[in-house]
N, C-alpha and C. Protein backbone atom coordinates (compact mmCIF):
# COMPACT_ATOMS: atom_id res chain seq x y z
N MET A 1 20.28 -40.48 64.78
CA MET A 1 20.52 -39.61 65.93
C MET A 1 20.36 -38.14 65.55
N ARG A 2 20.94 -37.78 64.39
CA ARG A 2 20.85 -36.39 63.97
C ARG A 2 19.40 -36.02 63.70
N PHE A 3 18.66 -36.96 63.05
CA PHE A 3 17.25 -36.69 62.75
C PHE A 3 16.46 -36.50 64.03
N THR A 4 16.70 -37.36 65.02
CA THR A 4 15.98 -37.27 66.29
C THR A 4 16.27 -35.96 66.99
N THR A 5 17.48 -35.46 66.87
CA THR A 5 17.87 -34.22 67.54
C THR A 5 17.22 -33.01 66.89
N THR A 6 17.15 -33.02 65.57
CA THR A 6 16.66 -31.84 64.86
C THR A 6 15.14 -31.83 64.68
N LEU A 7 14.47 -32.97 64.88
CA LEU A 7 13.03 -33.03 64.68
C LEU A 7 12.26 -32.01 65.51
N PRO A 8 12.54 -31.86 66.84
CA PRO A 8 11.80 -30.86 67.61
C PRO A 8 11.99 -29.44 67.08
N ILE A 9 13.14 -29.19 66.46
CA ILE A 9 13.40 -27.86 65.91
C ILE A 9 12.62 -27.65 64.62
N LEU A 10 12.53 -28.72 63.81
CA LEU A 10 11.87 -28.61 62.51
C LEU A 10 10.35 -28.61 62.60
N MET A 11 9.81 -29.27 63.62
CA MET A 11 8.36 -29.43 63.69
C MET A 11 7.59 -28.12 63.66
N PRO A 12 7.97 -27.08 64.45
CA PRO A 12 7.22 -25.82 64.38
C PRO A 12 7.24 -25.21 62.98
N LEU A 13 8.41 -25.32 62.30
CA LEU A 13 8.51 -24.79 60.95
C LEU A 13 7.60 -25.55 60.00
N LEU A 14 7.60 -26.87 60.10
CA LEU A 14 6.76 -27.69 59.23
C LEU A 14 5.29 -27.41 59.46
N LEU A 15 4.91 -27.26 60.73
CA LEU A 15 3.51 -26.96 61.05
C LEU A 15 3.13 -25.59 60.52
N SER A 16 4.05 -24.64 60.62
CA SER A 16 3.78 -23.30 60.11
C SER A 16 3.57 -23.31 58.62
N LEU A 17 4.42 -24.06 57.89
CA LEU A 17 4.27 -24.15 56.44
C LEU A 17 2.97 -24.83 56.06
N LEU A 18 2.60 -25.87 56.81
CA LEU A 18 1.35 -26.58 56.55
C LEU A 18 0.17 -25.67 56.76
N PHE A 19 0.19 -24.89 57.85
CA PHE A 19 -0.91 -23.96 58.14
C PHE A 19 -1.06 -22.93 57.04
N THR A 20 0.09 -22.38 56.60
CA THR A 20 0.04 -21.36 55.57
C THR A 20 -0.51 -21.93 54.28
N SER A 21 -0.05 -23.14 53.93
CA SER A 21 -0.51 -23.76 52.70
C SER A 21 -1.99 -24.07 52.77
N THR A 22 -2.47 -24.51 53.94
CA THR A 22 -3.86 -24.93 54.08
C THR A 22 -4.81 -23.75 54.11
N HIS A 23 -4.41 -22.67 54.75
CA HIS A 23 -5.36 -21.60 55.03
C HIS A 23 -5.14 -20.33 54.23
N ALA A 24 -4.12 -20.27 53.41
CA ALA A 24 -3.97 -19.12 52.52
C ALA A 24 -5.16 -19.09 51.57
N ALA A 25 -5.59 -17.90 51.20
CA ALA A 25 -6.76 -17.75 50.31
C ALA A 25 -6.30 -17.30 48.93
N THR A 26 -6.94 -17.83 47.90
CA THR A 26 -6.69 -17.35 46.55
C THR A 26 -7.82 -16.42 46.12
N PHE A 27 -7.46 -15.41 45.34
CA PHE A 27 -8.42 -14.44 44.82
C PHE A 27 -8.28 -14.45 43.30
N ASP A 28 -9.34 -14.88 42.62
CA ASP A 28 -9.38 -14.84 41.16
C ASP A 28 -9.97 -13.50 40.74
N ILE A 29 -9.19 -12.73 40.02
CA ILE A 29 -9.59 -11.37 39.62
C ILE A 29 -9.85 -11.38 38.12
N LEU A 30 -11.08 -11.09 37.73
CA LEU A 30 -11.51 -11.22 36.33
C LEU A 30 -12.01 -9.89 35.79
N ASN A 31 -11.56 -9.54 34.59
CA ASN A 31 -12.05 -8.34 33.93
C ASN A 31 -13.11 -8.71 32.89
N LYS A 32 -14.36 -8.42 33.19
CA LYS A 32 -15.44 -8.65 32.23
C LYS A 32 -15.90 -7.35 31.58
N CYS A 33 -15.15 -6.27 31.83
CA CYS A 33 -15.44 -5.01 31.15
C CYS A 33 -15.12 -5.15 29.66
N THR A 34 -15.67 -4.29 28.84
CA THR A 34 -15.39 -4.32 27.41
C THR A 34 -14.09 -3.59 27.09
N TYR A 35 -13.42 -3.09 28.12
CA TYR A 35 -12.19 -2.32 27.95
C TYR A 35 -11.11 -2.86 28.88
N THR A 36 -9.88 -2.48 28.61
CA THR A 36 -8.75 -2.87 29.45
C THR A 36 -8.80 -2.15 30.79
N VAL A 37 -8.48 -2.86 31.86
CA VAL A 37 -8.31 -2.21 33.16
C VAL A 37 -6.92 -2.54 33.69
N TRP A 38 -6.44 -1.71 34.59
CA TRP A 38 -5.18 -1.96 35.28
C TRP A 38 -5.54 -2.31 36.71
N ALA A 39 -5.53 -3.62 36.99
CA ALA A 39 -5.93 -4.13 38.30
C ALA A 39 -4.77 -3.98 39.28
N ALA A 40 -5.12 -3.80 40.55
CA ALA A 40 -4.12 -3.67 41.60
C ALA A 40 -4.61 -4.39 42.84
N ALA A 41 -3.68 -4.94 43.59
CA ALA A 41 -4.00 -5.61 44.84
C ALA A 41 -2.92 -5.30 45.85
N SER A 42 -3.36 -5.02 47.06
CA SER A 42 -2.42 -4.78 48.16
C SER A 42 -2.82 -5.69 49.33
N PRO A 43 -2.05 -6.80 49.56
CA PRO A 43 -0.83 -7.20 48.87
C PRO A 43 -1.13 -7.88 47.53
N GLY A 44 -0.12 -7.90 46.65
CA GLY A 44 -0.28 -8.62 45.38
C GLY A 44 0.43 -8.00 44.21
N GLY A 45 0.32 -6.67 44.05
CA GLY A 45 0.97 -6.01 42.92
C GLY A 45 -0.03 -5.45 41.93
N ARG A 46 0.41 -5.29 40.70
CA ARG A 46 -0.44 -4.73 39.64
C ARG A 46 -0.40 -5.66 38.43
N ARG A 47 -1.47 -5.58 37.64
CA ARG A 47 -1.53 -6.38 36.42
C ARG A 47 -2.49 -5.73 35.43
N ARG A 48 -2.03 -5.62 34.18
CA ARG A 48 -2.93 -5.20 33.11
C ARG A 48 -3.85 -6.37 32.77
N LEU A 49 -5.15 -6.10 32.69
CA LEU A 49 -6.12 -7.12 32.31
C LEU A 49 -6.93 -6.61 31.13
N ASP A 50 -6.71 -7.21 29.97
CA ASP A 50 -7.58 -6.91 28.84
C ASP A 50 -8.93 -7.57 29.07
N SER A 51 -9.91 -7.19 28.28
CA SER A 51 -11.25 -7.75 28.44
C SER A 51 -11.20 -9.28 28.38
N GLY A 52 -11.77 -9.93 29.41
CA GLY A 52 -11.80 -11.39 29.48
C GLY A 52 -10.62 -12.01 30.18
N GLN A 53 -9.59 -11.25 30.47
CA GLN A 53 -8.42 -11.80 31.14
C GLN A 53 -8.62 -11.88 32.65
N SER A 54 -7.87 -12.79 33.28
CA SER A 54 -7.95 -12.95 34.73
C SER A 54 -6.56 -13.00 35.33
N TRP A 55 -6.51 -12.89 36.63
CA TRP A 55 -5.26 -12.85 37.40
C TRP A 55 -5.56 -13.47 38.76
N THR A 56 -4.71 -14.34 39.23
CA THR A 56 -4.92 -15.00 40.52
C THR A 56 -3.80 -14.63 41.47
N ILE A 57 -4.18 -14.22 42.68
CA ILE A 57 -3.20 -13.94 43.72
C ILE A 57 -3.49 -14.83 44.92
N THR A 58 -2.48 -15.09 45.71
CA THR A 58 -2.61 -15.86 46.94
C THR A 58 -2.24 -14.97 48.11
N VAL A 59 -3.09 -14.95 49.13
CA VAL A 59 -2.90 -14.05 50.27
C VAL A 59 -2.79 -14.88 51.54
N LYS A 60 -1.79 -14.60 52.33
CA LYS A 60 -1.51 -15.41 53.51
C LYS A 60 -2.54 -15.18 54.61
N PRO A 61 -2.76 -16.16 55.48
CA PRO A 61 -3.71 -16.00 56.58
C PRO A 61 -3.28 -14.89 57.52
N GLY A 62 -4.27 -14.25 58.13
CA GLY A 62 -3.97 -13.17 59.07
C GLY A 62 -3.81 -11.82 58.43
N THR A 63 -3.86 -11.75 57.09
CA THR A 63 -3.72 -10.47 56.40
C THR A 63 -4.91 -9.57 56.71
N THR A 64 -4.64 -8.31 57.00
CA THR A 64 -5.70 -7.33 57.25
C THR A 64 -5.45 -6.09 56.38
N ASN A 65 -6.44 -5.22 56.34
CA ASN A 65 -6.34 -3.97 55.58
C ASN A 65 -5.93 -4.21 54.13
N ALA A 66 -6.43 -5.29 53.54
CA ALA A 66 -6.10 -5.63 52.16
C ALA A 66 -7.20 -5.13 51.23
N ARG A 67 -6.82 -4.88 50.00
CA ARG A 67 -7.82 -4.39 49.05
C ARG A 67 -7.42 -4.69 47.62
N ILE A 68 -8.44 -4.73 46.76
CA ILE A 68 -8.28 -4.95 45.32
C ILE A 68 -9.10 -3.89 44.61
N TRP A 69 -8.54 -3.33 43.53
CA TRP A 69 -9.26 -2.31 42.79
C TRP A 69 -8.73 -2.29 41.36
N ALA A 70 -9.28 -1.42 40.53
CA ALA A 70 -8.81 -1.31 39.15
C ALA A 70 -8.99 0.12 38.66
N GLU A 71 -8.20 0.46 37.67
CA GLU A 71 -8.30 1.77 37.04
C GLU A 71 -8.41 1.57 35.53
N PRO A 72 -9.17 2.43 34.85
CA PRO A 72 -9.34 2.26 33.40
C PRO A 72 -8.25 2.96 32.59
N HIS A 73 -7.15 3.31 33.24
CA HIS A 73 -6.04 3.96 32.55
C HIS A 73 -4.73 3.43 33.13
N ALA A 74 -3.66 3.57 32.40
CA ALA A 74 -2.38 3.04 32.85
C ALA A 74 -1.89 3.79 34.08
N PRO A 75 -1.43 3.06 35.12
CA PRO A 75 -0.94 3.71 36.33
C PRO A 75 0.44 4.33 36.09
N SER A 76 0.80 5.25 36.96
CA SER A 76 2.10 5.90 36.83
C SER A 76 3.21 5.09 37.50
N THR A 77 2.83 4.07 38.32
CA THR A 77 3.81 3.22 38.97
C THR A 77 3.92 1.89 38.24
N PRO A 78 5.03 1.16 38.35
CA PRO A 78 5.24 -0.07 37.57
C PRO A 78 4.18 -1.12 37.85
N MET A 79 3.85 -1.89 36.81
CA MET A 79 2.88 -2.97 36.94
C MET A 79 3.59 -4.30 37.05
N GLY A 80 2.83 -5.32 37.49
CA GLY A 80 3.32 -6.68 37.46
C GLY A 80 4.38 -7.00 38.48
N VAL A 81 4.52 -6.16 39.50
CA VAL A 81 5.53 -6.42 40.52
C VAL A 81 4.84 -7.11 41.70
N ALA A 82 5.08 -8.39 41.88
CA ALA A 82 4.43 -9.14 42.95
C ALA A 82 4.87 -8.61 44.30
N ASN A 83 3.91 -8.57 45.21
CA ASN A 83 4.17 -8.17 46.59
C ASN A 83 4.69 -6.74 46.73
N ALA A 84 4.47 -5.93 45.69
CA ALA A 84 4.89 -4.53 45.81
C ALA A 84 4.00 -3.83 46.82
N LYS A 85 4.60 -2.92 47.57
CA LYS A 85 3.81 -2.13 48.51
C LYS A 85 3.22 -0.96 47.73
N LEU A 86 1.93 -1.02 47.46
CA LEU A 86 1.30 -0.04 46.59
C LEU A 86 0.59 1.02 47.40
N ALA A 87 0.57 2.21 46.86
CA ALA A 87 -0.37 3.19 47.35
C ALA A 87 -1.76 2.67 47.02
N TYR A 88 -2.76 3.16 47.72
CA TYR A 88 -4.10 2.62 47.52
C TYR A 88 -4.83 3.27 46.36
N GLY A 89 -4.11 3.78 45.41
CA GLY A 89 -4.74 4.36 44.24
C GLY A 89 -5.27 5.75 44.52
N SER A 90 -5.67 6.42 43.47
CA SER A 90 -6.20 7.78 43.58
C SER A 90 -7.71 7.74 43.43
N PRO A 91 -8.47 8.30 44.39
CA PRO A 91 -9.92 8.32 44.25
C PRO A 91 -10.31 9.03 42.94
N PRO A 92 -11.44 8.61 42.37
CA PRO A 92 -12.37 7.60 42.87
C PRO A 92 -11.98 6.17 42.45
N ASN A 93 -12.11 5.23 43.39
CA ASN A 93 -11.85 3.81 43.14
C ASN A 93 -12.87 2.97 43.89
N THR A 94 -13.52 2.05 43.19
CA THR A 94 -14.32 1.03 43.85
C THR A 94 -13.37 0.02 44.47
N LEU A 95 -13.55 -0.29 45.74
CA LEU A 95 -12.60 -1.15 46.46
C LEU A 95 -13.25 -2.45 46.94
N ALA A 96 -12.55 -3.57 46.74
CA ALA A 96 -12.87 -4.82 47.43
C ALA A 96 -11.89 -4.91 48.59
N GLU A 97 -12.40 -4.93 49.82
CA GLU A 97 -11.55 -4.94 51.01
C GLU A 97 -11.74 -6.24 51.77
N PHE A 98 -10.68 -6.70 52.46
CA PHE A 98 -10.82 -7.94 53.20
C PHE A 98 -9.78 -8.07 54.31
N ALA A 99 -10.14 -8.89 55.30
CA ALA A 99 -9.24 -9.30 56.38
C ALA A 99 -9.45 -10.80 56.56
N LEU A 100 -8.37 -11.56 56.59
CA LEU A 100 -8.46 -13.02 56.60
C LEU A 100 -8.12 -13.61 57.96
N ASN A 101 -8.81 -14.72 58.27
CA ASN A 101 -8.50 -15.51 59.48
C ASN A 101 -8.48 -14.65 60.74
N GLN A 102 -9.58 -13.98 60.96
CA GLN A 102 -9.74 -13.14 62.14
C GLN A 102 -10.35 -13.97 63.28
N PRO A 103 -10.54 -13.39 64.47
CA PRO A 103 -11.10 -14.16 65.59
C PRO A 103 -12.37 -14.92 65.21
N ASN A 104 -12.54 -16.08 65.85
CA ASN A 104 -13.66 -16.99 65.58
C ASN A 104 -13.59 -17.61 64.19
N ASN A 105 -12.36 -17.65 63.62
CA ASN A 105 -12.15 -18.27 62.31
C ASN A 105 -13.03 -17.65 61.23
N LEU A 106 -13.03 -16.35 61.18
CA LEU A 106 -13.83 -15.63 60.20
C LEU A 106 -12.96 -14.75 59.31
N ASP A 107 -13.38 -14.65 58.05
CA ASP A 107 -12.89 -13.62 57.14
C ASP A 107 -13.92 -12.50 57.11
N TYR A 108 -13.47 -11.29 56.87
CA TYR A 108 -14.39 -10.16 56.70
C TYR A 108 -14.14 -9.54 55.33
N ILE A 109 -15.21 -9.37 54.56
CA ILE A 109 -15.08 -8.79 53.23
C ILE A 109 -16.09 -7.67 53.06
N ASP A 110 -15.77 -6.73 52.18
CA ASP A 110 -16.73 -5.67 51.86
C ASP A 110 -16.36 -5.04 50.52
N ILE A 111 -17.32 -4.36 49.94
CA ILE A 111 -17.08 -3.43 48.83
C ILE A 111 -17.24 -2.03 49.41
N SER A 112 -16.26 -1.18 49.18
CA SER A 112 -16.27 0.15 49.76
C SER A 112 -16.33 1.23 48.68
N LEU A 113 -17.20 2.20 48.92
CA LEU A 113 -17.25 3.42 48.09
C LEU A 113 -16.73 4.61 48.87
N VAL A 114 -16.00 4.36 49.95
CA VAL A 114 -15.44 5.44 50.76
C VAL A 114 -14.37 6.20 49.97
N ASP A 115 -13.78 5.55 48.97
CA ASP A 115 -12.88 6.22 48.04
C ASP A 115 -13.56 6.53 46.72
N GLY A 116 -14.90 6.47 46.72
CA GLY A 116 -15.65 6.75 45.50
C GLY A 116 -15.92 5.50 44.67
N PHE A 117 -16.41 5.71 43.45
CA PHE A 117 -16.79 4.63 42.55
C PHE A 117 -16.21 4.93 41.18
N ASN A 118 -15.61 3.88 40.57
CA ASN A 118 -15.19 4.07 39.17
C ASN A 118 -15.60 2.90 38.27
N ILE A 119 -15.50 1.65 38.78
CA ILE A 119 -15.78 0.49 37.95
C ILE A 119 -16.72 -0.45 38.71
N PRO A 120 -17.79 -0.96 38.08
CA PRO A 120 -18.68 -1.92 38.75
C PRO A 120 -17.91 -3.15 39.21
N MET A 121 -18.36 -3.75 40.32
CA MET A 121 -17.60 -4.84 40.93
C MET A 121 -18.50 -5.85 41.61
N ASN A 122 -18.09 -7.12 41.53
CA ASN A 122 -18.68 -8.19 42.33
C ASN A 122 -17.57 -8.83 43.14
N PHE A 123 -17.85 -9.12 44.41
CA PHE A 123 -16.88 -9.74 45.32
C PHE A 123 -17.58 -10.90 45.99
N SER A 124 -17.17 -12.13 45.67
CA SER A 124 -17.91 -13.30 46.12
C SER A 124 -16.98 -14.44 46.50
N PRO A 125 -17.44 -15.32 47.43
CA PRO A 125 -16.71 -16.56 47.68
C PRO A 125 -16.89 -17.49 46.49
N THR A 126 -15.97 -18.42 46.31
CA THR A 126 -16.09 -19.39 45.22
C THR A 126 -16.93 -20.59 45.63
N THR A 127 -17.42 -20.60 46.87
CA THR A 127 -18.32 -21.65 47.35
C THR A 127 -19.58 -20.98 47.88
N SER A 128 -20.51 -21.80 48.38
CA SER A 128 -21.76 -21.26 48.94
C SER A 128 -21.63 -21.02 50.45
N ALA A 129 -20.40 -20.91 50.94
CA ALA A 129 -20.19 -20.75 52.38
C ALA A 129 -20.77 -19.45 52.91
N CYS A 130 -20.82 -18.42 52.07
CA CYS A 130 -21.46 -17.15 52.42
C CYS A 130 -21.85 -16.47 51.12
N ARG A 131 -22.67 -15.46 51.23
CA ARG A 131 -23.18 -14.82 50.02
C ARG A 131 -22.14 -13.87 49.41
N GLY A 132 -22.35 -13.51 48.17
CA GLY A 132 -21.50 -12.52 47.52
C GLY A 132 -22.10 -11.13 47.65
N ILE A 133 -21.30 -10.13 47.30
CA ILE A 133 -21.75 -8.74 47.33
C ILE A 133 -21.40 -8.08 45.99
N GLN A 134 -22.19 -7.06 45.64
CA GLN A 134 -22.02 -6.48 44.32
C GLN A 134 -22.38 -5.00 44.33
N CYS A 135 -21.67 -4.23 43.50
CA CYS A 135 -22.02 -2.83 43.25
C CYS A 135 -21.85 -2.59 41.76
N SER A 136 -22.96 -2.59 41.05
CA SER A 136 -22.90 -2.50 39.59
C SER A 136 -23.87 -1.47 39.02
N ALA A 137 -24.32 -0.55 39.86
CA ALA A 137 -25.26 0.48 39.39
C ALA A 137 -24.54 1.48 38.49
N LYS A 138 -25.32 2.26 37.75
CA LYS A 138 -24.76 3.27 36.84
C LYS A 138 -24.47 4.56 37.59
N ILE A 139 -23.58 4.45 38.57
CA ILE A 139 -23.29 5.58 39.45
C ILE A 139 -22.59 6.70 38.69
N ASN A 140 -21.66 6.36 37.81
CA ASN A 140 -20.91 7.41 37.12
C ASN A 140 -21.82 8.35 36.34
N GLY A 141 -22.79 7.79 35.66
CA GLY A 141 -23.69 8.61 34.85
C GLY A 141 -24.69 9.40 35.67
N GLN A 142 -24.96 8.96 36.89
CA GLN A 142 -25.95 9.63 37.75
C GLN A 142 -25.30 10.46 38.85
N CYS A 143 -23.99 10.54 38.86
CA CYS A 143 -23.24 11.19 39.95
C CYS A 143 -23.62 12.66 40.10
N PRO A 144 -23.88 13.14 41.32
CA PRO A 144 -24.12 14.57 41.54
C PRO A 144 -22.96 15.40 41.00
N SER A 145 -23.25 16.54 40.44
CA SER A 145 -22.23 17.34 39.75
C SER A 145 -21.05 17.68 40.65
N GLU A 146 -21.32 17.93 41.94
CA GLU A 146 -20.23 18.31 42.84
C GLU A 146 -19.31 17.13 43.20
N LEU A 147 -19.74 15.90 42.88
CA LEU A 147 -18.92 14.73 43.16
C LEU A 147 -18.26 14.14 41.91
N LYS A 148 -18.60 14.66 40.75
CA LYS A 148 -18.07 14.09 39.51
C LYS A 148 -16.56 14.28 39.44
N ALA A 149 -15.90 13.25 38.91
CA ALA A 149 -14.44 13.28 38.75
C ALA A 149 -14.09 12.54 37.47
N PRO A 150 -12.94 12.82 36.88
CA PRO A 150 -12.54 12.08 35.68
C PRO A 150 -12.52 10.58 35.94
N GLY A 151 -13.32 9.85 35.19
CA GLY A 151 -13.33 8.39 35.32
C GLY A 151 -14.21 7.83 36.41
N GLY A 152 -14.96 8.69 37.14
CA GLY A 152 -15.78 8.13 38.20
C GLY A 152 -16.54 9.17 38.99
N CYS A 153 -16.98 8.75 40.20
CA CYS A 153 -17.79 9.57 41.09
C CYS A 153 -17.14 9.55 42.47
N ASN A 154 -16.78 10.71 42.98
CA ASN A 154 -16.11 10.79 44.28
C ASN A 154 -17.06 10.51 45.44
N ASN A 155 -16.51 10.02 46.54
CA ASN A 155 -17.20 10.04 47.81
C ASN A 155 -17.16 11.47 48.34
N PRO A 156 -18.17 11.94 49.07
CA PRO A 156 -18.14 13.33 49.55
C PRO A 156 -16.96 13.64 50.46
N CYS A 157 -16.44 12.64 51.16
CA CYS A 157 -15.28 12.89 52.02
C CYS A 157 -14.10 13.40 51.20
N THR A 158 -13.91 12.83 50.02
CA THR A 158 -12.80 13.23 49.16
C THR A 158 -12.93 14.69 48.74
N VAL A 159 -14.16 15.14 48.56
CA VAL A 159 -14.40 16.50 48.06
C VAL A 159 -14.42 17.52 49.19
N PHE A 160 -15.15 17.23 50.27
CA PHE A 160 -15.39 18.24 51.30
C PHE A 160 -14.44 18.14 52.50
N LYS A 161 -13.93 16.94 52.76
CA LYS A 161 -12.90 16.73 53.79
C LYS A 161 -13.30 17.27 55.17
N ILE A 162 -14.53 17.01 55.58
CA ILE A 162 -14.99 17.41 56.91
C ILE A 162 -15.57 16.19 57.62
N ASN A 163 -15.68 16.28 58.95
CA ASN A 163 -16.12 15.13 59.75
C ASN A 163 -17.49 14.62 59.32
N LYS A 164 -18.38 15.48 58.92
CA LYS A 164 -19.72 15.07 58.52
C LYS A 164 -19.67 13.94 57.50
N TYR A 165 -18.68 13.97 56.62
CA TYR A 165 -18.56 12.97 55.58
C TYR A 165 -17.42 11.98 55.82
N CYS A 166 -16.40 12.38 56.58
CA CYS A 166 -15.20 11.55 56.75
C CYS A 166 -15.13 10.81 58.08
N CYS A 167 -15.96 11.19 59.06
CA CYS A 167 -15.99 10.53 60.37
C CYS A 167 -14.64 10.59 61.08
N THR A 168 -13.91 11.66 60.90
CA THR A 168 -12.57 11.78 61.47
C THR A 168 -12.58 11.98 62.98
N ASP A 169 -13.72 12.32 63.57
CA ASP A 169 -13.79 12.55 65.01
C ASP A 169 -14.08 11.29 65.80
N GLY A 170 -14.09 10.13 65.15
CA GLY A 170 -14.24 8.87 65.86
C GLY A 170 -15.62 8.25 65.75
N PRO A 171 -15.80 7.07 66.37
CA PRO A 171 -17.07 6.34 66.30
C PRO A 171 -18.25 7.19 66.76
N GLY A 172 -19.33 7.11 66.00
CA GLY A 172 -20.54 7.83 66.35
C GLY A 172 -20.54 9.30 66.01
N SER A 173 -19.47 9.78 65.37
CA SER A 173 -19.37 11.22 65.10
C SER A 173 -19.99 11.62 63.77
N CYS A 174 -20.48 10.64 63.01
CA CYS A 174 -21.10 10.97 61.72
C CYS A 174 -22.17 9.94 61.41
N GLY A 175 -22.95 10.21 60.40
CA GLY A 175 -24.03 9.31 60.01
C GLY A 175 -24.34 9.47 58.54
N PRO A 176 -25.42 8.84 58.08
CA PRO A 176 -25.79 8.95 56.67
C PRO A 176 -26.07 10.40 56.27
N THR A 177 -25.75 10.73 55.05
CA THR A 177 -26.01 12.06 54.50
C THR A 177 -26.73 11.88 53.17
N THR A 178 -27.13 12.99 52.57
CA THR A 178 -27.78 12.92 51.26
C THR A 178 -26.88 12.24 50.24
N TYR A 179 -25.57 12.55 50.31
CA TYR A 179 -24.63 11.95 49.36
C TYR A 179 -24.45 10.46 49.62
N SER A 180 -24.31 10.06 50.89
CA SER A 180 -24.12 8.64 51.17
C SER A 180 -25.39 7.85 50.80
N LYS A 181 -26.55 8.47 50.98
CA LYS A 181 -27.79 7.79 50.60
C LYS A 181 -27.89 7.61 49.09
N PHE A 182 -27.34 8.57 48.34
CA PHE A 182 -27.28 8.42 46.88
C PHE A 182 -26.51 7.15 46.52
N LEU A 183 -25.37 6.93 47.18
CA LEU A 183 -24.57 5.73 46.92
C LEU A 183 -25.25 4.47 47.45
N LYS A 184 -25.82 4.56 48.66
CA LYS A 184 -26.43 3.38 49.31
C LYS A 184 -27.67 2.92 48.55
N ASP A 185 -28.45 3.84 48.03
CA ASP A 185 -29.65 3.47 47.28
C ASP A 185 -29.28 2.65 46.05
N ARG A 186 -28.13 2.92 45.47
CA ARG A 186 -27.72 2.25 44.25
C ARG A 186 -26.91 0.98 44.51
N CYS A 187 -26.19 0.97 45.62
CA CYS A 187 -25.39 -0.20 45.98
C CYS A 187 -25.60 -0.51 47.46
N PRO A 188 -26.71 -1.17 47.81
CA PRO A 188 -27.05 -1.41 49.22
C PRO A 188 -26.01 -2.22 49.99
N ASP A 189 -25.20 -3.04 49.28
CA ASP A 189 -24.21 -3.88 49.95
C ASP A 189 -22.91 -3.14 50.26
N ALA A 190 -22.73 -1.94 49.71
CA ALA A 190 -21.43 -1.28 49.78
C ALA A 190 -21.37 -0.24 50.90
N TYR A 191 -20.16 -0.04 51.41
CA TYR A 191 -19.92 1.07 52.34
C TYR A 191 -20.16 2.39 51.61
N SER A 192 -21.02 3.23 52.16
CA SER A 192 -21.29 4.52 51.54
C SER A 192 -20.63 5.67 52.31
N TYR A 193 -20.27 5.40 53.57
CA TYR A 193 -19.48 6.35 54.38
C TYR A 193 -18.68 5.52 55.39
N PRO A 194 -17.65 6.07 56.06
CA PRO A 194 -16.72 5.24 56.82
C PRO A 194 -17.31 4.40 57.94
N GLN A 195 -18.44 4.81 58.53
CA GLN A 195 -19.01 4.05 59.64
C GLN A 195 -20.28 3.29 59.25
N ASP A 196 -20.33 2.88 58.01
CA ASP A 196 -21.49 2.17 57.47
C ASP A 196 -21.34 0.66 57.66
N ASP A 197 -20.86 0.22 58.84
CA ASP A 197 -20.51 -1.18 59.06
C ASP A 197 -21.71 -2.12 59.09
N LYS A 198 -22.79 -1.71 59.73
CA LYS A 198 -23.89 -2.63 60.02
C LYS A 198 -24.47 -3.26 58.76
N THR A 199 -24.48 -2.54 57.67
CA THR A 199 -25.12 -3.06 56.46
C THR A 199 -24.11 -3.42 55.38
N SER A 200 -22.81 -3.33 55.69
CA SER A 200 -21.82 -3.45 54.62
C SER A 200 -20.71 -4.45 54.87
N LEU A 201 -20.49 -4.88 56.09
CA LEU A 201 -19.39 -5.78 56.40
C LEU A 201 -19.91 -7.21 56.48
N LEU A 202 -19.36 -8.09 55.66
CA LEU A 202 -19.84 -9.47 55.57
C LEU A 202 -18.81 -10.42 56.17
N ALA A 203 -19.26 -11.33 57.04
CA ALA A 203 -18.39 -12.34 57.65
C ALA A 203 -18.55 -13.66 56.90
N CYS A 204 -17.41 -14.29 56.59
CA CYS A 204 -17.39 -15.59 55.93
C CYS A 204 -16.46 -16.53 56.71
N PRO A 205 -16.68 -17.83 56.65
CA PRO A 205 -15.78 -18.75 57.34
C PRO A 205 -14.39 -18.71 56.71
N SER A 206 -13.37 -18.74 57.53
CA SER A 206 -12.00 -18.75 57.01
C SER A 206 -11.71 -20.03 56.25
N GLY A 207 -10.73 -19.97 55.37
CA GLY A 207 -10.31 -21.16 54.65
C GLY A 207 -10.97 -21.32 53.29
N ILE A 208 -11.71 -20.30 52.82
CA ILE A 208 -12.33 -20.37 51.51
C ILE A 208 -11.62 -19.41 50.56
N ASN A 209 -11.94 -19.51 49.27
CA ASN A 209 -11.35 -18.66 48.25
C ASN A 209 -12.39 -17.71 47.69
N TYR A 210 -11.90 -16.69 46.97
CA TYR A 210 -12.80 -15.62 46.52
C TYR A 210 -12.54 -15.25 45.06
N LYS A 211 -13.51 -14.55 44.50
CA LYS A 211 -13.34 -14.00 43.16
C LYS A 211 -13.81 -12.55 43.16
N VAL A 212 -13.08 -11.72 42.45
CA VAL A 212 -13.43 -10.31 42.27
C VAL A 212 -13.61 -10.09 40.77
N THR A 213 -14.79 -9.63 40.38
CA THR A 213 -15.10 -9.44 38.97
C THR A 213 -15.37 -7.97 38.70
N PHE A 214 -14.64 -7.41 37.74
CA PHE A 214 -14.91 -6.05 37.30
C PHE A 214 -15.95 -6.10 36.18
N CYS A 215 -16.93 -5.21 36.23
CA CYS A 215 -18.05 -5.20 35.28
C CYS A 215 -18.77 -6.54 35.25
N PRO A 216 -19.32 -6.99 36.40
CA PRO A 216 -19.97 -8.31 36.45
C PRO A 216 -21.21 -8.36 35.56
C-alpha cells in the first residue's frame, strides 16, 4: 500500500535521474603539449595537466554558455575544485565553447578566438556523428605587434574596445576586419570576431561525448 501511494511521487524523480544519466555529456580533456598547462572548465573546475595527462568532466543536459580553456602558467585562483564558479580566464585564451541539448535535440560547439589565442586546440566528438574543429596554427609567432600579449595573441576587441571589433551595438553592427581575417585565415573553423557565426558554429546531435585536446 505504501509503495503504491508513493510511486506516483517517485516516478518524476526517477525519470529525471534517468534522463540526466542518459543524456549528460562527458568531455575528455587531454594535454598533448610538451609543457604543463592549467586546464579550466566552466562548469567543471580547474586541473593541472602535465604533458600527456587527461581529465574527464561530466556536464548535465541543457547547459549553455559553457567553455573549456587552458593557461600555460599557474592560476591565481584554487585548482581542482569541482563545480567551482570560475571567471572565464584572462585574455588571451583559446576557448572551446558549447551548449548541450538545445532545440531540435542539438548540441552547439565552437572554438572561439574572441578572447584571443594562447594554446592550439582541437574540439571533436568521440564518434563520427559530426565533424571536429581545430585551431592549431602558429598564431603566437605571427601575431601583429599591436595584438601581442604575454603568452599569446589578443583579439582586437580586447585591445581597442570599440564596436568595430567587439560588436557591442548588436547584430549586424560589425563585420570582418583586417585583424579578424588574420585569425580566420589561420583558423577557418574558429570564431574570429563576435558575430562570426555562419562559419564557426557547429551543430551536433545531442547525447554524444566530446574530447578537447591542447596542442593536437
